[in-house]
Amino acid sequence: MTKNQLRVLYKNKRNAISDTEKLKLDDLILIQFQKFDFSQIQILFSYWPMESHSEPNVELMVRYLRLMISGIQIAYPVIDNKDYSMSAILTSEETDFKTNKWGMEEPIGETAIKPYDLDLIFVPLLAFDKKGNRVGFGKGYYDRFLANCRKETVKIGFSYFDPIEQISDTNHFDVPLNYCITPQFIYEF
């Protein structure tokens, strides 16, 4: 299937999950996530899950890492609509966020950090395949951003669903994940 076909299919599949089931699935994803050794992680790049997209609650993983890693720094994305770029902005407990035109929460102010300095990145997705390729929301912000990260930077996606066999229209600009975590499995690529 193509990315556009998968976007439609997986948006519908995610929207069909009840709130009660979603809470259960998020907890199961957190249990899988806790199996990793994050002792070498100092800087995390995350994102706020959008309720309107029924995204997995990655904030559960962020809170877990805050508890487990003393001094972890956490950055969130800010989108530049003019050049289709994305910046990583370091945050603190006092950081205020605002909603952008797509409904994403973005930090206000604070300090930008280079993609090269990130150790761990949570990457949003709608679907993924058995090679670690993912279907995002179609603007390419993350692929452009990920291309500027170190090879060692760990890229993790979260999904309520298992991988499909293959995304038929991937290209050389697509940056694959290292892992994708589902309620039942950790997929490594």
C-alpha atoms as a PDB file:
ATOM      1  CA  MET A   1       0.000   0.000   0.000  1.00  0.00           C
ATOM      2  CA  THR A   2       1.072   3.591  -0.568  1.00  0.00           C
ATOM      3  CA  LYS A   3       1.640   6.143   2.182  1.00  0.00           C
ATOM      4  CA  ASN A   4      -1.565   7.988   1.305  1.00  0.00           C
ATOM      5  CA  GLN A   5      -3.617   4.782   1.405  1.00  0.00           C
ATOM      6  CA  LEU A   6      -2.040   3.851   4.740  1.00  0.00           C
ATOM      7  CA  ARG A   7      -2.698   7.313   6.193  1.00  0.00           C
ATOM      8  CA  VAL A   8      -6.419   6.970   5.516  1.00  0.00           C
ATOM      9  CA  LEU A   9      -6.575   3.374   6.768  1.00  0.00           C
ATOM     10  CA  TYR A  10      -4.598   3.926   9.984  1.00  0.00           C
ATOM     11  CA  LYS A  11      -6.285   7.206  10.889  1.00  0.00           C
ATOM     12  CA  ASN A  12      -9.592   5.321  10.744  1.00  0.00           C
ATOM     13  CA  LYS A  13      -8.195   2.366  12.702  1.00  0.00           C
ATOM     14  CA  ARG A  14      -6.850   4.630  15.445  1.00  0.00           C
ATOM     15  CA  ASN A  15     -10.058   6.647  15.655  1.00  0.00           C
ATOM     16  CA  ALA A  16     -12.000   3.398  16.141  1.00  0.00           C
ATOM     17  CA  ILE A  17     -10.164   2.638  19.409  1.00  0.00           C
ATOM     18  CA  SER A  18     -12.289   3.474  22.462  1.00  0.00           C
ATOM     19  CA  ASP A  19     -10.873   5.727  25.171  1.00  0.00           C
ATOM     20  CA  THR A  20     -10.828   2.830  27.630  1.00  0.00           C
ATOM     21  CA  GLU A  21      -8.978   0.569  25.187  1.00  0.00           C
ATOM     22  CA  LYS A  22      -6.535   3.354  24.370  1.00  0.00           C
ATOM     23  CA  LEU A  23      -5.597   3.729  28.059  1.00  0.00           C
ATOM     24  CA  LYS A  24      -4.938  -0.011  28.245  1.00  0.00           C
ATOM     25  CA  LEU A  25      -2.859  -0.008  25.049  1.00  0.00           C
ATOM     26  CA  ASP A  26      -0.826   2.995  26.247  1.00  0.00           C
ATOM     27  CA  ASP A  27      -0.019   1.165  29.492  1.00  0.00           C
ATOM     28  CA  LEU A  28       1.066  -1.932  27.553  1.00  0.00           C
ATOM     29  CA  ILE A  29       3.327   0.193  25.335  1.00  0.00           C
ATOM     30  CA  LEU A  30       4.888   1.719  28.469  1.00  0.00           C
ATOM     31  CA  ILE A  31       5.591  -1.777  29.835  1.00  0.00           C
ATOM     32  CA  GLN A  32       7.415  -2.671  26.596  1.00  0.00           C
ATOM     33  CA  PHE A  33       9.312   0.641  26.683  1.00  0.00           C
ATOM     34  CA  GLN A  34      10.557  -0.059  30.209  1.00  0.00           C
ATOM     35  CA  LYS A  35      12.559  -3.041  28.897  1.00  0.00           C
ATOM     36  CA  PHE A  36      15.147  -0.721  27.311  1.00  0.00           C
ATOM     37  CA  ASP A  37      18.397   0.385  28.922  1.00  0.00           C
ATOM     38  CA  PHE A  38      18.374   4.172  28.742  1.00  0.00           C
ATOM     39  CA  SER A  39      21.391   4.748  30.983  1.00  0.00           C
ATOM     40  CA  GLN A  40      23.321   6.500  28.180  1.00  0.00           C
ATOM     41  CA  ILE A  41      20.504   8.915  27.277  1.00  0.00           C
ATOM     42  CA  GLN A  42      21.042  12.555  28.215  1.00  0.00           C
ATOM     43  CA  ILE A  43      18.870  14.434  25.690  1.00  0.00           C
ATOM     44  CA  LEU A  44      15.434  13.275  24.516  1.00  0.00           C
ATOM     45  CA  PHE A  45      13.447  14.797  21.652  1.00  0.00           C
ATOM     46  CA  SER A  46       9.742  14.058  22.099  1.00  0.00           C
ATOM     47  CA  TYR A  47       6.401  15.494  20.981  1.00  0.00           C
ATOM     48  CA  TRP A  48       2.994  16.072  22.558  1.00  0.00           C
ATOM     49  CA  PRO A  49       0.506  13.446  21.352  1.00  0.00           C
ATOM     50  CA  MET A  50      -2.459  14.967  19.575  1.00  0.00           C
ATOM     51  CA  GLU A  51      -5.774  13.710  20.897  1.00  0.00           C
ATOM     52  CA  SER A  52      -7.431  14.568  17.579  1.00  0.00           C
ATOM     53  CA  HIS A  53      -5.134  11.987  15.928  1.00  0.00           C
ATOM     54  CA  SER A  54      -5.596   9.335  18.642  1.00  0.00           C
ATOM     55  CA  GLU A  55      -1.827   9.102  18.985  1.00  0.00           C
ATOM     56  CA  PRO A  56      -0.198   6.838  21.574  1.00  0.00           C
ATOM     57  CA  ASN A  57       0.463   8.763  24.779  1.00  0.00           C
ATOM     58  CA  VAL A  58       4.227   9.266  24.531  1.00  0.00           C
ATOM     59  CA  GLU A  59       4.081  11.510  27.605  1.00  0.00           C
ATOM     60  CA  LEU A  60       3.950   8.289  29.658  1.00  0.00           C
ATOM     61  CA  MET A  61       7.411   7.434  28.311  1.00  0.00           C
ATOM     62  CA  VAL A  62       8.663  10.991  28.903  1.00  0.00           C
ATOM     63  CA  ARG A  63       7.535  10.872  32.549  1.00  0.00           C
ATOM     64  CA  TYR A  64       9.165   7.473  32.996  1.00  0.00           C
ATOM     65  CA  LEU A  65      12.495   8.770  31.662  1.00  0.00           C
ATOM     66  CA  ARG A  66      12.289  11.865  33.904  1.00  0.00           C
ATOM     67  CA  LEU A  67      12.011   9.525  36.897  1.00  0.00           C
ATOM     68  CA  MET A  68      14.716   7.116  35.758  1.00  0.00           C
ATOM     69  CA  ILE A  69      17.384   9.484  34.408  1.00  0.00           C
ATOM     70  CA  SER A  70      18.581  12.227  36.693  1.00  0.00           C
ATOM     71  CA  GLY A  71      19.204  15.432  34.773  1.00  0.00           C
ATOM     72  CA  ILE A  72      17.709  14.292  31.470  1.00  0.00           C
ATOM     73  CA  GLN A  73      17.062  17.192  29.106  1.00  0.00           C
ATOM     74  CA  ILE A  74      13.898  17.110  27.022  1.00  0.00           C
ATOM     75  CA  ALA A  75      13.272  18.978  23.796  1.00  0.00           C
ATOM     76  CA  TYR A  76      10.078  19.379  21.764  1.00  0.00           C
ATOM     77  CA  PRO A  77       9.583  20.393  18.132  1.00  0.00           C
ATOM     78  CA  VAL A  78       8.766  23.809  16.741  1.00  0.00           C
ATOM     79  CA  ILE A  79       7.701  23.888  13.093  1.00  0.00           C
ATOM     80  CA  ASP A  80       8.709  26.647  10.659  1.00  0.00           C
ATOM     81  CA  ASN A  81       5.963  26.844   8.026  1.00  0.00           C
ATOM     82  CA  LYS A  82       8.043  29.016   5.704  1.00  0.00           C
ATOM     83  CA  ASP A  83      10.851  26.577   4.977  1.00  0.00           C
ATOM     84  CA  TYR A  84       9.218  23.339   6.214  1.00  0.00           C
ATOM     85  CA  SER A  85      11.897  22.881   8.849  1.00  0.00           C
ATOM     86  CA  MET A  86      11.672  21.778  12.451  1.00  0.00           C
ATOM     87  CA  SER A  87      13.728  22.868  15.464  1.00  0.00           C
ATOM     88  CA  ALA A  88      14.347  21.062  18.746  1.00  0.00           C
ATOM     89  CA  ILE A  89      13.683  23.362  21.697  1.00  0.00           C
ATOM     90  CA  LEU A  90      14.921  22.406  25.168  1.00  0.00           C
ATOM     91  CA  THR A  91      12.242  22.683  27.826  1.00  0.00           C
ATOM     92  CA  SER A  92      11.945  22.758  31.589  1.00  0.00           C
ATOM     93  CA  GLU A  93       9.123  22.207  34.055  1.00  0.00           C
ATOM     94  CA  GLU A  94       8.256  25.910  33.671  1.00  0.00           C
ATOM     95  CA  THR A  95       8.081  25.962  29.866  1.00  0.00           C
ATOM     96  CA  ASP A  96       4.839  27.208  28.382  1.00  0.00           C
ATOM     97  CA  PHE A  97       3.440  25.646  25.220  1.00  0.00           C
ATOM     98  CA  LYS A  98       1.170  27.012  22.493  1.00  0.00           C
ATOM     99  CA  THR A  99      -0.900  25.199  19.881  1.00  0.00           C
ATOM    100  CA  ASN A 100       0.229  25.662  16.264  1.00  0.00           C
ATOM    101  CA  LYS A 101      -2.062  25.652  13.220  1.00  0.00           C
ATOM    102  CA  TRP A 102      -1.971  21.820  12.986  1.00  0.00           C
ATOM    103  CA  GLY A 103      -2.956  21.347  16.618  1.00  0.00           C
ATOM    104  CA  MET A 104       0.569  20.479  17.793  1.00  0.00           C
ATOM    105  CA  GLU A 105       1.802  21.823  21.120  1.00  0.00           C
ATOM    106  CA  GLU A 106       5.041  23.785  20.713  1.00  0.00           C
ATOM    107  CA  PRO A 107       7.288  25.231  23.433  1.00  0.00           C
ATOM    108  CA  ILE A 108       7.469  29.005  23.675  1.00  0.00           C
ATOM    109  CA  GLY A 109      10.937  30.510  23.794  1.00  0.00           C
ATOM    110  CA  GLU A 110      13.667  28.491  25.479  1.00  0.00           C
ATOM    111  CA  THR A 111      16.852  27.260  23.768  1.00  0.00           C
ATOM    112  CA  ALA A 112      17.248  25.465  20.430  1.00  0.00           C
ATOM    113  CA  ILE A 113      19.462  22.393  20.312  1.00  0.00           C
ATOM    114  CA  LYS A 114      21.095  20.865  17.243  1.00  0.00           C
ATOM    115  CA  PRO A 115      19.695  17.555  15.933  1.00  0.00           C
ATOM    116  CA  TYR A 116      23.228  16.172  16.122  1.00  0.00           C
ATOM    117  CA  ASP A 117      23.192  16.525  19.935  1.00  0.00           C
ATOM    118  CA  LEU A 118      20.099  14.376  20.516  1.00  0.00           C
ATOM    119  CA  ASP A 119      20.465  10.878  21.978  1.00  0.00           C
ATOM    120  CA  LEU A 120      16.883   9.604  21.686  1.00  0.00           C
ATOM    121  CA  ILE A 121      14.023  10.722  19.443  1.00  0.00           C
ATOM    122  CA  PHE A 122      10.367   9.737  19.700  1.00  0.00           C
ATOM    123  CA  VAL A 123       9.072   9.795  16.129  1.00  0.00           C
ATOM    124  CA  PRO A 124       5.333  10.123  15.417  1.00  0.00           C
ATOM    125  CA  LEU A 125       3.797   7.743  12.904  1.00  0.00           C
ATOM    126  CA  LEU A 126       0.554   6.348  11.590  1.00  0.00           C
ATOM    127  CA  ALA A 127       1.919   3.015  10.345  1.00  0.00           C
ATOM    128  CA  PHE A 128       5.271   1.281   9.883  1.00  0.00           C
ATOM    129  CA  ASP A 129       6.669  -1.630   7.921  1.00  0.00           C
ATOM    130  CA  LYS A 130       8.981  -4.546   8.716  1.00  0.00           C
ATOM    131  CA  LYS A 131      12.033  -2.554   7.587  1.00  0.00           C
ATOM    132  CA  GLY A 132      11.411   0.324   9.998  1.00  0.00           C
ATOM    133  CA  ASN A 133       9.995   2.705   7.415  1.00  0.00           C
ATOM    134  CA  ARG A 134       7.102   4.760   8.686  1.00  0.00           C
ATOM    135  CA  VAL A 135       4.140   6.692   7.421  1.00  0.00           C
ATOM    136  CA  GLY A 136       3.966  10.125   9.001  1.00  0.00           C
ATOM    137  CA  PHE A 137       1.500  12.887   8.364  1.00  0.00           C
ATOM    138  CA  GLY A 138       2.907  13.770   4.956  1.00  0.00           C
ATOM    139  CA  LYS A 139       4.871  16.993   5.340  1.00  0.00           C
ATOM    140  CA  GLY A 140       8.360  15.447   5.697  1.00  0.00           C
ATOM    141  CA  TYR A 141       9.384  17.502   8.736  1.00  0.00           C
ATOM    142  CA  TYR A 142      10.727  14.529  10.661  1.00  0.00           C
ATOM    143  CA  ASP A 143      12.621  12.958   7.758  1.00  0.00           C
ATOM    144  CA  ARG A 144      14.393  16.260   7.054  1.00  0.00           C
ATOM    145  CA  PHE A 145      15.162  16.661  10.761  1.00  0.00           C
ATOM    146  CA  LEU A 146      16.322  13.057  11.275  1.00  0.00           C
ATOM    147  CA  ALA A 147      18.718  13.324   8.331  1.00  0.00           C
ATOM    148  CA  ASN A 148      20.749  15.779  10.447  1.00  0.00           C
ATOM    149  CA  CYS A 149      21.078  13.505  13.491  1.00  0.00           C
ATOM    150  CA  ARG A 150      24.010  11.286  14.398  1.00  0.00           C
ATOM    151  CA  LYS A 151      23.919   7.715  13.169  1.00  0.00           C
ATOM    152  CA  GLU A 152      23.927   6.598  16.836  1.00  0.00           C
ATOM    153  CA  THR A 153      20.828   8.628  17.719  1.00  0.00           C
ATOM    154  CA  VAL A 154      18.090   6.158  18.650  1.00  0.00           C
ATOM    155  CA  LYS A 155      14.789   6.696  16.813  1.00  0.00           C
ATOM    156  CA  ILE A 156      11.729   5.062  18.386  1.00  0.00           C
ATOM    157  CA  GLY A 157       8.161   5.025  17.085  1.00  0.00           C
ATOM    158  CA  PHE A 158       5.052   3.910  18.961  1.00  0.00           C
ATOM    159  CA  SER A 159       2.067   2.170  17.391  1.00  0.00           C
ATOM    160  CA  TYR A 160      -1.093   0.439  18.512  1.00  0.00           C
ATOM    161  CA  PHE A 161      -0.732  -1.885  15.510  1.00  0.00           C
ATOM    162  CA  ASP A 162       1.833  -4.368  14.204  1.00  0.00           C
ATOM    163  CA  PRO A 163       3.880  -3.552  11.089  1.00  0.00           C
ATOM    164  CA  ILE A 164       2.680  -4.028   7.567  1.00  0.00           C
ATOM    165  CA  GLU A 165       4.865  -6.022   5.207  1.00  0.00           C
ATOM    166  CA  GLN A 166       6.069  -3.071   3.115  1.00  0.00           C
ATOM    167  CA  ILE A 167       5.267   0.565   2.395  1.00  0.00           C
ATOM    168  CA  SER A 168       5.282   0.598  -1.404  1.00  0.00           C
ATOM    169  CA  ASP A 169       6.369   4.181  -2.051  1.00  0.00           C
ATOM    170  CA  THR A 170       9.299   4.798   0.299  1.00  0.00           C
ATOM    171  CA  ASN A 171      12.175   6.818  -1.113  1.00  0.00           C
ATOM    172  CA  HIS A 172      15.779   7.700  -0.292  1.00  0.00           C
ATOM    173  CA  PHE A 173      14.678  10.709   1.810  1.00  0.00           C
ATOM    174  CA  ASP A 174      12.822   8.466   4.286  1.00  0.00           C
ATOM    175  CA  VAL A 175      14.769   7.856   7.505  1.00  0.00           C
ATOM    176  CA  PRO A 176      13.879   4.498   9.095  1.00  0.00           C
ATOM    177  CA  LEU A 177      13.323   3.906  12.784  1.00  0.00           C
ATOM    178  CA  ASN A 178      15.642   1.871  14.993  1.00  0.00           C
ATOM    179  CA  TYR A 179      12.694   0.516  16.988  1.00  0.00           C
ATOM    180  CA  CYS A 180       8.927   0.587  17.026  1.00  0.00           C
ATOM    181  CA  ILE A 181       7.056  -0.337  20.180  1.00  0.00           C
ATOM    182  CA  THR A 182       3.559  -1.812  20.110  1.00  0.00           C
ATOM    183  CA  PRO A 183       1.462  -3.061  23.034  1.00  0.00           C
ATOM    184  CA  GLN A 184       2.812  -6.584  22.553  1.00  0.00           C
ATOM    185  CA  PHE A 185       6.228  -6.300  20.881  1.00  0.00           C
ATOM    186  CA  ILE A 186       9.401  -4.299  20.399  1.00  0.00           C
ATOM    187  CA  TYR A 187      10.405  -4.311  16.737  1.00  0.00           C
ATOM    188  CA  GLU A 188      14.075  -3.707  15.999  1.00  0.00           C
ATOM    189  CA  PHE A 189      15.319  -2.686  12.560  1.00  0.00           C
END
